[in-house]
Protein backbone atom coordinates (compact mmCIF):
# COMPACT_ATOMS: atom_id res chain seq x y z
CA MET A 1 -21.10 0.03 -26.59
CA THR A 2 -22.34 -2.65 -24.63
CA LYS A 3 -20.61 -3.94 -20.92
CA ASP A 4 -19.37 -7.11 -21.87
CA ASN A 5 -17.23 -5.47 -25.06
CA PHE A 6 -15.99 -3.18 -22.54
CA LEU A 7 -15.01 -5.91 -20.61
CA VAL A 8 -13.34 -7.75 -23.17
CA LEU A 9 -11.33 -4.24 -24.51
CA LEU A 10 -10.22 -3.93 -20.87
CA ALA A 11 -9.09 -7.46 -20.82
CA GLU A 12 -7.18 -6.43 -23.76
CA VAL A 13 -5.64 -3.99 -22.39
CA LEU A 14 -4.68 -5.69 -19.65
CA GLN A 15 -2.99 -8.39 -21.63
CA ARG A 16 -5.07 -11.08 -19.69
CA ASP A 17 -5.71 -14.19 -20.57
CA GLU A 18 -8.57 -15.09 -18.82
CA PRO A 19 -12.46 -13.24 -18.86
CA LEU A 20 -13.26 -9.97 -16.03
CA ASN A 21 -15.94 -9.67 -14.33
CA SER A 22 -17.46 -6.24 -13.03
CA GLU A 23 -16.91 -7.47 -9.22
CA MET A 24 -12.93 -8.45 -9.83
CA ASP A 25 -11.11 -6.09 -7.07
CA LEU A 26 -8.40 -4.48 -9.22
CA GLU A 27 -5.42 -5.43 -6.79
CA GLU A 28 -6.81 -9.03 -6.97
CA ILE A 29 -5.87 -8.76 -10.95
CA GLN A 30 -2.53 -9.80 -11.40
CA GLU A 31 -1.88 -7.50 -14.58
CA TYR A 32 -3.61 -4.41 -13.04
CA ASP A 33 -0.50 -2.09 -12.72
CA SER A 34 0.55 0.97 -12.43
CA MET A 35 1.22 0.49 -16.08
CA SER A 36 -2.22 -0.83 -17.38
CA GLN A 37 -3.55 2.26 -15.62
CA ILE A 38 -2.58 4.40 -18.07
CA ASN A 39 -3.31 2.19 -20.46
CA ILE A 40 -7.49 2.21 -19.76
CA ILE A 41 -6.95 6.09 -19.51
CA VAL A 42 -5.99 5.61 -23.04
CA LEU A 43 -8.67 3.26 -23.82
CA ILE A 44 -11.43 5.92 -22.46
CA ASP A 45 -10.26 8.42 -24.47
CA THR A 46 -10.04 6.29 -27.95
CA GLU A 47 -12.94 4.97 -27.77
CA PHE A 48 -15.30 7.10 -25.64
CA GLY A 49 -13.20 10.74 -26.25
CA GLU A 50 -12.91 11.54 -22.75
CA LEU A 51 -10.92 12.11 -20.04
CA VAL A 52 -9.74 10.49 -16.96
CA SER A 53 -7.02 10.86 -14.71
CA THR A 54 -4.63 8.55 -12.72
CA GLU A 55 -6.37 10.19 -9.79
CA ASP A 56 -9.70 8.66 -10.85
CA ILE A 57 -7.79 5.04 -11.88
CA ASP A 58 -6.77 5.15 -8.54
CA GLU A 59 -9.86 5.63 -6.75
CA CYS A 60 -11.37 2.62 -8.66
CA VAL A 61 -11.59 -0.86 -5.89
CA THR A 62 -13.62 -3.01 -8.76
CA VAL A 63 -13.73 -3.42 -12.65
CA GLN A 64 -17.14 -1.85 -11.78
CA ASP A 65 -15.51 1.07 -10.95
CA ILE A 66 -14.22 1.61 -14.22
CA ILE A 67 -16.90 0.19 -16.00
CA ASN A 68 -18.40 3.59 -14.11
CA LEU A 69 -16.30 5.83 -15.09
CA VAL A 70 -17.70 5.47 -18.92
CA LYS A 71 -21.58 4.12 -17.48
CA SER A 72 -23.10 6.88 -20.06
CA ASN A 73 -21.26 5.65 -22.77
CA ILE A 74 -22.59 1.57 -21.84
CA ASP A 75 -25.73 -0.23 -23.32
């Protein structure tokens, strides 16, 4: 999967109409909340078969930090 494809999937999970970029601060994304964190965990598990914890997601500050959680699966 490419980084751009992952960003599209991430935007869908966040139910966001506008595109995401890797430099975006998660706290500035209106749609980013505790429920979306769970949905991101499910996305990563479904798409990559990798388990990440809520603590892993809590440590993320930017969209790039989320990408880094699955970087071994991103082209």
